[in-house]
Amino acid sequence: MARKVVCVLVALFLAVPLVWRPPRANACGWLRDHPEDPRLPEALHLAVRSTRWGQGDEQNSSVSRAVFLFLHKHYPNSEWTKKTTYWFK
């Protein structure tokens, strides 16, 4: 479930109206197939931050943690990773 929510959050960031950006439905595929996309660390950072104002339930906490861990595992040297020092419960 958390992975699905991460994909949706990243998809929302990537869906800013530019013709070449991927459709929301394919966000997980985009993450998998284009890990070098320079927008992904920022999208993940914003996804973690967006959980701060969520419902405060277990699902929100799980999503925040999952996105945080993914960001730190896959983009450890990114400036956005360095700005993402914690996840929200």
PDB file of N, CA and C in Angstrom:
ATOM      1  N   MET A   1       0.825  -1.195   0.000  1.00  0.00           N
ATOM      2  CA  MET A   1       0.000   0.000   0.000  1.00  0.00           C
ATOM      3  C   MET A   1       0.870   1.260   0.000  1.00  0.00           C
ATOM      4  N   ALA A   2       1.898   1.289   0.834  1.00  0.00           N
ATOM      5  CA  ALA A   2       2.748   2.481   0.911  1.00  0.00           C
ATOM      6  C   ALA A   2       3.429   2.743  -0.421  1.00  0.00           C
ATOM      7  N   ARG A   3       3.870   1.694  -1.104  1.00  0.00           N
ATOM      8  CA  ARG A   3       4.535   1.867  -2.401  1.00  0.00           C
ATOM      9  C   ARG A   3       3.586   2.513  -3.406  1.00  0.00           C
ATOM     10  N   LYS A   4       2.320   2.104  -3.376  1.00  0.00           N
ATOM     11  CA  LYS A   4       1.330   2.664  -4.288  1.00  0.00           C
ATOM     12  C   LYS A   4       1.140   4.157  -4.023  1.00  0.00           C
ATOM     13  N   VAL A   5       1.099   4.528  -2.752  1.00  0.00           N
ATOM     14  CA  VAL A   5       0.923   5.936  -2.395  1.00  0.00           C
ATOM     15  C   VAL A   5       2.148   6.738  -2.804  1.00  0.00           C
ATOM     16  N   VAL A   6       3.340   6.183  -2.622  1.00  0.00           N
ATOM     17  CA  VAL A   6       4.575   6.858  -3.052  1.00  0.00           C
ATOM     18  C   VAL A   6       4.494   7.135  -4.543  1.00  0.00           C
ATOM     19  N   CYS A   7       4.070   6.149  -5.308  1.00  0.00           N
ATOM     20  CA  CYS A   7       3.972   6.318  -6.760  1.00  0.00           C
ATOM     21  C   CYS A   7       2.988   7.428  -7.121  1.00  0.00           C
ATOM     22  N   VAL A   8       1.879   7.481  -6.427  1.00  0.00           N
ATOM     23  CA  VAL A   8       0.887   8.524  -6.701  1.00  0.00           C
ATOM     24  C   VAL A   8       1.448   9.901  -6.366  1.00  0.00           C
ATOM     25  N   LEU A   9       2.122  10.028  -5.228  1.00  0.00           N
ATOM     26  CA  LEU A   9       2.685  11.322  -4.846  1.00  0.00           C
ATOM     27  C   LEU A   9       3.744  11.788  -5.839  1.00  0.00           C
ATOM     28  N   VAL A  10       4.603  10.877  -6.252  1.00  0.00           N
ATOM     29  CA  VAL A  10       5.628  11.225  -7.238  1.00  0.00           C
ATOM     30  C   VAL A  10       4.957  11.564  -8.563  1.00  0.00           C
ATOM     31  N   ALA A  11       3.920  10.815  -8.916  1.00  0.00           N
ATOM     32  CA  ALA A  11       3.208  11.067 -10.167  1.00  0.00           C
ATOM     33  C   ALA A  11       2.599  12.461 -10.176  1.00  0.00           C
ATOM     34  N   LEU A  12       2.059  12.885  -9.048  1.00  0.00           N
ATOM     35  CA  LEU A  12       1.468  14.221  -8.979  1.00  0.00           C
ATOM     36  C   LEU A  12       2.515  15.290  -9.251  1.00  0.00           C
ATOM     37  N   PHE A  13       3.708  15.094  -8.717  1.00  0.00           N
ATOM     38  CA  PHE A  13       4.787  16.047  -8.961  1.00  0.00           C
ATOM     39  C   PHE A  13       5.194  16.036 -10.434  1.00  0.00           C
ATOM     40  N   LEU A  14       5.292  14.841 -11.005  1.00  0.00           N
ATOM     41  CA  LEU A  14       5.742  14.713 -12.384  1.00  0.00           C
ATOM     42  C   LEU A  14       4.670  15.127 -13.392  1.00  0.00           C
ATOM     43  N   ALA A  15       3.433  15.222 -12.948  1.00  0.00           N
ATOM     44  CA  ALA A  15       2.336  15.500 -13.869  1.00  0.00           C
ATOM     45  C   ALA A  15       2.137  16.985 -14.147  1.00  0.00           C
ATOM     46  N   VAL A  16       3.053  17.812 -13.711  1.00  0.00           N
ATOM     47  CA  VAL A  16       2.978  19.237 -14.049  1.00  0.00           C
ATOM     48  C   VAL A  16       2.911  19.332 -15.573  1.00  0.00           C
ATOM     49  N   PRO A  17       2.054  20.174 -16.103  1.00  0.00           N
ATOM     50  CA  PRO A  17       1.758  20.127 -17.532  1.00  0.00           C
ATOM     51  C   PRO A  17       2.923  20.439 -18.464  1.00  0.00           C
ATOM     52  N   LEU A  18       3.742  19.486 -18.668  1.00  0.00           N
ATOM     53  CA  LEU A  18       4.756  19.527 -19.712  1.00  0.00           C
ATOM     54  C   LEU A  18       4.543  18.269 -20.553  1.00  0.00           C
ATOM     55  N   VAL A  19       4.558  18.406 -21.837  1.00  0.00           N
ATOM     56  CA  VAL A  19       4.191  17.313 -22.729  1.00  0.00           C
ATOM     57  C   VAL A  19       5.043  16.069 -22.529  1.00  0.00           C
ATOM     58  N   TRP A  20       6.319  16.216 -22.275  1.00  0.00           N
ATOM     59  CA  TRP A  20       7.204  15.061 -22.213  1.00  0.00           C
ATOM     60  C   TRP A  20       7.173  14.328 -20.884  1.00  0.00           C
ATOM     61  N   ARG A  21       6.522  14.862 -19.892  1.00  0.00           N
ATOM     62  CA  ARG A  21       6.483  14.196 -18.592  1.00  0.00           C
ATOM     63  C   ARG A  21       5.508  13.023 -18.613  1.00  0.00           C
ATOM     64  N   PRO A  22       5.759  12.003 -17.795  1.00  0.00           N
ATOM     65  CA  PRO A  22       4.956  10.781 -17.843  1.00  0.00           C
ATOM     66  C   PRO A  22       3.564  10.958 -17.246  1.00  0.00           C
ATOM     67  N   PRO A  23       2.608  10.142 -17.670  1.00  0.00           N
ATOM     68  CA  PRO A  23       1.280  10.193 -17.062  1.00  0.00           C
ATOM     69  C   PRO A  23       1.297   9.644 -15.647  1.00  0.00           C
ATOM     70  N   ARG A  24       0.352  10.073 -14.832  1.00  0.00           N
ATOM     71  CA  ARG A  24       0.288   9.647 -13.438  1.00  0.00           C
ATOM     72  C   ARG A  24       0.201   8.137 -13.293  1.00  0.00           C
ATOM     73  N   ALA A  25      -0.547   7.495 -14.152  1.00  0.00           N
ATOM     74  CA  ALA A  25      -0.768   6.053 -14.024  1.00  0.00           C
ATOM     75  C   ALA A  25       0.520   5.255 -14.142  1.00  0.00           C
ATOM     76  N   ASN A  26       1.551   5.856 -14.705  1.00  0.00           N
ATOM     77  CA  ASN A  26       2.789   5.115 -14.935  1.00  0.00           C
ATOM     78  C   ASN A  26       3.932   5.603 -14.048  1.00  0.00           C
ATOM     79  N   ALA A  27       3.614   6.176 -12.902  1.00  0.00           N
ATOM     80  CA  ALA A  27       4.660   6.744 -12.052  1.00  0.00           C
ATOM     81  C   ALA A  27       5.633   5.706 -11.533  1.00  0.00           C
ATOM     82  N   CYS A  28       5.144   4.550 -11.121  1.00  0.00           N
ATOM     83  CA  CYS A  28       6.058   3.514 -10.621  1.00  0.00           C
ATOM     84  C   CYS A  28       6.992   3.053 -11.722  1.00  0.00           C
ATOM     85  N   GLY A  29       6.452   2.910 -12.903  1.00  0.00           N
ATOM     86  CA  GLY A  29       7.288   2.543 -14.042  1.00  0.00           C
ATOM     87  C   GLY A  29       8.324   3.609 -14.334  1.00  0.00           C
ATOM     88  N   TRP A  30       7.905   4.860 -14.199  1.00  0.00           N
ATOM     89  CA  TRP A  30       8.840   5.967 -14.427  1.00  0.00           C
ATOM     90  C   TRP A  30       9.961   5.929 -13.401  1.00  0.00           C
ATOM     91  N   LEU A  31       9.628   5.692 -12.133  1.00  0.00           N
ATOM     92  CA  LEU A  31      10.649   5.586 -11.088  1.00  0.00           C
ATOM     93  C   LEU A  31      11.630   4.463 -11.406  1.00  0.00           C
ATOM     94  N   ARG A  32      11.094   3.332 -11.844  1.00  0.00           N
ATOM     95  CA  ARG A  32      11.921   2.159 -12.133  1.00  0.00           C
ATOM     96  C   ARG A  32      12.777   2.377 -13.377  1.00  0.00           C
ATOM     97  N   ASP A  33      12.170   2.932 -14.428  1.00  0.00           N
ATOM     98  CA  ASP A  33      12.847   3.028 -15.719  1.00  0.00           C
ATOM     99  C   ASP A  33      13.727   4.260 -15.881  1.00  0.00           C
ATOM    100  N   HIS A  34      13.512   5.283 -15.044  1.00  0.00           N
ATOM    101  CA  HIS A  34      14.269   6.533 -15.177  1.00  0.00           C
ATOM    102  C   HIS A  34      14.789   7.016 -13.820  1.00  0.00           C
ATOM    103  N   PRO A  35      15.532   6.170 -13.124  1.00  0.00           N
ATOM    104  CA  PRO A  35      16.001   6.569 -11.793  1.00  0.00           C
ATOM    105  C   PRO A  35      16.964   7.755 -11.831  1.00  0.00           C
ATOM    106  N   GLU A  36      17.490   8.067 -13.002  1.00  0.00           N
ATOM    107  CA  GLU A  36      18.417   9.193 -13.124  1.00  0.00           C
ATOM    108  C   GLU A  36      17.699  10.526 -13.315  1.00  0.00           C
ATOM    109  N   ASP A  37      16.380  10.503 -13.430  1.00  0.00           N
ATOM    110  CA  ASP A  37      15.620  11.739 -13.616  1.00  0.00           C
ATOM    111  C   ASP A  37      15.936  12.687 -12.457  1.00  0.00           C
ATOM    112  N   PRO A  38      16.476  13.855 -12.731  1.00  0.00           N
ATOM    113  CA  PRO A  38      16.890  14.758 -11.651  1.00  0.00           C
ATOM    114  C   PRO A  38      15.734  15.296 -10.812  1.00  0.00           C
ATOM    115  N   ARG A  39      14.497  15.116 -11.281  1.00  0.00           N
ATOM    116  CA  ARG A  39      13.333  15.601 -10.529  1.00  0.00           C
ATOM    117  C   ARG A  39      12.910  14.641  -9.424  1.00  0.00           C
ATOM    118  N   LEU A  40      13.331  13.392  -9.492  1.00  0.00           N
ATOM    119  CA  LEU A  40      12.838  12.393  -8.541  1.00  0.00           C
ATOM    120  C   LEU A  40      13.227  12.665  -7.095  1.00  0.00           C
ATOM    121  N   PRO A  41      14.463  13.009  -6.775  1.00  0.00           N
ATOM    122  CA  PRO A  41      14.770  13.302  -5.366  1.00  0.00           C
ATOM    123  C   PRO A  41      13.914  14.437  -4.795  1.00  0.00           C
ATOM    124  N   GLU A  42      13.699  15.471  -5.590  1.00  0.00           N
ATOM    125  CA  GLU A  42      12.855  16.569  -5.114  1.00  0.00           C
ATOM    126  C   GLU A  42      11.414  16.091  -4.931  1.00  0.00           C
ATOM    127  N   ALA A  43      10.919  15.279  -5.863  1.00  0.00           N
ATOM    128  CA  ALA A  43       9.550  14.762  -5.762  1.00  0.00           C
ATOM    129  C   ALA A  43       9.388  13.923  -4.494  1.00  0.00           C
ATOM    130  N   LEU A  44      10.380  13.107  -4.197  1.00  0.00           N
ATOM    131  CA  LEU A  44      10.321  12.280  -2.986  1.00  0.00           C
ATOM    132  C   LEU A  44      10.398  13.147  -1.735  1.00  0.00           C
ATOM    133  N   HIS A  45      11.256  14.148  -1.750  1.00  0.00           N
ATOM    134  CA  HIS A  45      11.352  15.089  -0.620  1.00  0.00           C
ATOM    135  C   HIS A  45       9.998  15.747  -0.366  1.00  0.00           C
ATOM    136  N   LEU A  46       9.369  16.216  -1.433  1.00  0.00           N
ATOM    137  CA  LEU A  46       8.064  16.870  -1.297  1.00  0.00           C
ATOM    138  C   LEU A  46       6.988  15.885  -0.850  1.00  0.00           C
ATOM    139  N   ALA A  47       7.113  14.638  -1.273  1.00  0.00           N
ATOM    140  CA  ALA A  47       6.157  13.620  -0.836  1.00  0.00           C
ATOM    141  C   ALA A  47       6.258  13.404   0.671  1.00  0.00           C
ATOM    142  N   VAL A  48       7.485  13.354   1.195  1.00  0.00           N
ATOM    143  CA  VAL A  48       7.660  13.213   2.652  1.00  0.00           C
ATOM    144  C   VAL A  48       7.071  14.429   3.355  1.00  0.00           C
ATOM    145  N   ARG A  49       7.384  15.605   2.873  1.00  0.00           N
ATOM    146  CA  ARG A  49       6.868  16.827   3.512  1.00  0.00           C
ATOM    147  C   ARG A  49       5.351  16.893   3.478  1.00  0.00           C
ATOM    148  N   SER A  50       4.762  16.392   2.403  1.00  0.00           N
ATOM    149  CA  SER A  50       3.304  16.460   2.276  1.00  0.00           C
ATOM    150  C   SER A  50       2.603  15.601   3.321  1.00  0.00           C
ATOM    151  N   THR A  51       3.289  14.597   3.846  1.00  0.00           N
ATOM    152  CA  THR A  51       2.670  13.738   4.859  1.00  0.00           C
ATOM    153  C   THR A  51       2.595  14.432   6.215  1.00  0.00           C
ATOM    154  N   ARG A  52       3.278  15.531   6.363  1.00  0.00           N
ATOM    155  CA  ARG A  52       3.242  16.260   7.632  1.00  0.00           C
ATOM    156  C   ARG A  52       1.833  16.735   7.961  1.00  0.00           C
ATOM    157  N   TRP A  53       1.096  17.114   6.944  1.00  0.00           N
ATOM    158  CA  TRP A  53      -0.242  17.648   7.144  1.00  0.00           C
ATOM    159  C   TRP A  53      -1.326  16.631   6.809  1.00  0.00           C
ATOM    160  N   GLY A  54      -0.945  15.354   6.817  1.00  0.00           N
ATOM    161  CA  GLY A  54      -1.916  14.295   6.539  1.00  0.00           C
ATOM    162  C   GLY A  54      -2.812  14.037   7.735  1.00  0.00           C
ATOM    163  N   GLN A  55      -3.514  12.937   7.699  1.00  0.00           N
ATOM    164  CA  GLN A  55      -4.493  12.619   8.728  1.00  0.00           C
ATOM    165  C   GLN A  55      -3.874  12.178  10.048  1.00  0.00           C
ATOM    166  N   GLY A  56      -2.595  11.904  10.058  1.00  0.00           N
ATOM    167  CA  GLY A  56      -1.952  11.510  11.306  1.00  0.00           C
ATOM    168  C   GLY A  56      -2.274  10.085  11.717  1.00  0.00           C
ATOM    169  N   ASP A  57      -2.672   9.264  10.754  1.00  0.00           N
ATOM    170  CA  ASP A  57      -2.986   7.873  11.065  1.00  0.00           C
ATOM    171  C   ASP A  57      -1.796   6.976  10.707  1.00  0.00           C
ATOM    172  N   GLU A  58      -1.961   5.690  10.917  1.00  0.00           N
ATOM    173  CA  GLU A  58      -0.876   4.734  10.675  1.00  0.00           C
ATOM    174  C   GLU A  58      -0.475   4.704   9.199  1.00  0.00           C
ATOM    175  N   GLN A  59      -1.440   4.825   8.311  1.00  0.00           N
ATOM    176  CA  GLN A  59      -1.134   4.797   6.882  1.00  0.00           C
ATOM    177  C   GLN A  59      -0.277   5.995   6.488  1.00  0.00           C
ATOM    178  N   ASN A  60      -0.607   7.157   6.974  1.00  0.00           N
ATOM    179  CA  ASN A  60       0.169   8.361   6.683  1.00  0.00           C
ATOM    180  C   ASN A  60       1.605   8.200   7.179  1.00  0.00           C
ATOM    181  N   SER A  61       1.752   7.667   8.369  1.00  0.00           N
ATOM    182  CA  SER A  61       3.073   7.437   8.944  1.00  0.00           C
ATOM    183  C   SER A  61       3.863   6.425   8.109  1.00  0.00           C
ATOM    184  N   SER A  62       3.198   5.366   7.667  1.00  0.00           N
ATOM    185  CA  SER A  62       3.860   4.340   6.856  1.00  0.00           C
ATOM    186  C   SER A  62       4.340   4.900   5.524  1.00  0.00           C
ATOM    187  N   VAL A  63       3.516   5.724   4.914  1.00  0.00           N
ATOM    188  CA  VAL A  63       3.885   6.335   3.634  1.00  0.00           C
ATOM    189  C   VAL A  63       5.072   7.257   3.826  1.00  0.00           C
ATOM    190  N   SER A  64       5.025   8.087   4.839  1.00  0.00           N
ATOM    191  CA  SER A  64       6.115   9.018   5.100  1.00  0.00           C
ATOM    192  C   SER A  64       7.429   8.269   5.302  1.00  0.00           C
ATOM    193  N   ARG A  65       7.380   7.228   6.085  1.00  0.00           N
ATOM    194  CA  ARG A  65       8.588   6.426   6.356  1.00  0.00           C
ATOM    195  C   ARG A  65       9.093   5.737   5.095  1.00  0.00           C
ATOM    196  N   ALA A  66       8.169   5.155   4.311  1.00  0.00           N
ATOM    197  CA  ALA A  66       8.556   4.438   3.095  1.00  0.00           C
ATOM    198  C   ALA A  66       9.223   5.369   2.081  1.00  0.00           C
ATOM    199  N   VAL A  67       8.663   6.551   1.904  1.00  0.00           N
ATOM    200  CA  VAL A  67       9.234   7.519   0.964  1.00  0.00           C
ATOM    201  C   VAL A  67      10.590   7.994   1.470  1.00  0.00           C
ATOM    202  N   PHE A  68      10.677   8.284   2.761  1.00  0.00           N
ATOM    203  CA  PHE A  68      11.934   8.721   3.371  1.00  0.00           C
ATOM    204  C   PHE A  68      13.036   7.680   3.138  1.00  0.00           C
ATOM    205  N   LEU A  69      12.739   6.417   3.417  1.00  0.00           N
ATOM    206  CA  LEU A  69      13.730   5.360   3.252  1.00  0.00           C
ATOM    207  C   LEU A  69      14.126   5.168   1.793  1.00  0.00           C
ATOM    208  N   PHE A  70      13.154   5.247   0.896  1.00  0.00           N
ATOM    209  CA  PHE A  70      13.443   5.111  -0.536  1.00  0.00           C
ATOM    210  C   PHE A  70      14.377   6.227  -0.989  1.00  0.00           C
ATOM    211  N   LEU A  71      14.075   7.443  -0.594  1.00  0.00           N
ATOM    212  CA  LEU A  71      14.901   8.592  -0.959  1.00  0.00           C
ATOM    213  C   LEU A  71      16.333   8.423  -0.455  1.00  0.00           C
ATOM    214  N   HIS A  72      16.479   8.051   0.794  1.00  0.00           N
ATOM    215  CA  HIS A  72      17.826   7.921   1.382  1.00  0.00           C
ATOM    216  C   HIS A  72      18.592   6.730   0.823  1.00  0.00           C
ATOM    217  N   LYS A  73      17.896   5.691   0.437  1.00  0.00           N
ATOM    218  CA  LYS A  73      18.566   4.509  -0.134  1.00  0.00           C
ATOM    219  C   LYS A  73      19.025   4.761  -1.564  1.00  0.00           C
ATOM    220  N   HIS A  74      18.166   5.388  -2.373  1.00  0.00           N
ATOM    221  CA  HIS A  74      18.445   5.511  -3.802  1.00  0.00           C
ATOM    222  C   HIS A  74      19.133   6.812  -4.211  1.00  0.00           C
ATOM    223  N   TYR A  75      19.047   7.826  -3.381  1.00  0.00           N
ATOM    224  CA  TYR A  75      19.643   9.126  -3.713  1.00  0.00           C
ATOM    225  C   TYR A  75      20.388   9.701  -2.504  1.00  0.00           C
ATOM    226  N   PRO A  76      21.361   8.960  -1.962  1.00  0.00           N
ATOM    227  CA  PRO A  76      22.013   9.393  -0.718  1.00  0.00           C
ATOM    228  C   PRO A  76      22.795  10.706  -0.823  1.00  0.00           C
ATOM    229  N   ASN A  77      23.224  11.079  -2.009  1.00  0.00           N
ATOM    230  CA  ASN A  77      24.043  12.286  -2.154  1.00  0.00           C
ATOM    231  C   ASN A  77      23.274  13.484  -2.684  1.00  0.00           C
ATOM    232  N   SER A  78      21.985  13.348  -2.832  1.00  0.00           N
ATOM    233  CA  SER A  78      21.174  14.441  -3.366  1.00  0.00           C
ATOM    234  C   SER A  78      21.015  15.556  -2.336  1.00  0.00           C
ATOM    235  N   GLU A  79      20.956  16.782  -2.825  1.00  0.00           N
ATOM    236  CA  GLU A  79      20.690  17.910  -1.932  1.00  0.00           C
ATOM    237  C   GLU A  79      19.316  17.754  -1.286  1.00  0.00           C
ATOM    238  N   TRP A  80      18.370  17.123  -2.008  1.00  0.00           N
ATOM    239  CA  TRP A  80      17.014  16.936  -1.474  1.00  0.00           C
ATOM    240  C   TRP A  80      17.001  15.890  -0.366  1.00  0.00           C
ATOM    241  N   THR A  81      17.855  14.912  -0.478  1.00  0.00           N
ATOM    242  CA  THR A  81      17.972  13.907   0.582  1.00  0.00           C
ATOM    243  C   THR A  81      18.520  14.566   1.840  1.00  0.00           C
ATOM    244  N   LYS A  82      19.494  15.428   1.671  1.00  0.00           N
ATOM    245  CA  LYS A  82      20.084  16.123   2.820  1.00  0.00           C
ATOM    246  C   LYS A  82      19.077  17.048   3.498  1.00  0.00           C
ATOM    247  N   LYS A  83      18.111  17.550   2.733  1.00  0.00           N
ATOM    248  CA  LYS A  83      17.065  18.401   3.300  1.00  0.00           C
ATOM    249  C   LYS A  83      15.957  17.585   3.968  1.00  0.00           C
ATOM    250  N   THR A  84      15.946  16.283   3.725  1.00  0.00           N
ATOM    251  CA  THR A  84      14.909  15.409   4.278  1.00  0.00           C
ATOM    252  C   THR A  84      15.533  14.627   5.436  1.00  0.00           C
ATOM    253  N   THR A  85      15.515  15.239   6.600  1.00  0.00           N
ATOM    254  CA  THR A  85      16.222  14.653   7.741  1.00  0.00           C
ATOM    255  C   THR A  85      15.342  13.763   8.602  1.00  0.00           C
ATOM    256  N   TYR A  86      14.037  13.757   8.395  1.00  0.00           N
ATOM    257  CA  TYR A  86      13.143  12.905   9.176  1.00  0.00           C
ATOM    258  C   TYR A  86      11.831  12.705   8.424  1.00  0.00           C
ATOM    259  N   TRP A  87      11.084  11.736   8.868  1.00  0.00           N
ATOM    260  CA  TRP A  87       9.763  11.459   8.320  1.00  0.00           C
ATOM    261  C   TRP A  87       8.721  11.757   9.386  1.00  0.00           C
ATOM    262  N   PHE A  88       7.462  11.818   8.996  1.00  0.00           N
ATOM    263  CA  PHE A  88       6.404  12.253   9.918  1.00  0.00           C
ATOM    264  C   PHE A  88       5.507  11.116  10.336  1.00  0.00           C
ATOM    265  N   LYS A  89       5.180  11.094  11.622  1.00  0.00           N
ATOM    266  CA  LYS A  89       4.238  10.095  12.156  1.00  0.00           C
ATOM    267  C   LYS A  89       2.837  10.639  12.096  1.00  0.00           C
TER     268      LYS A  89
END
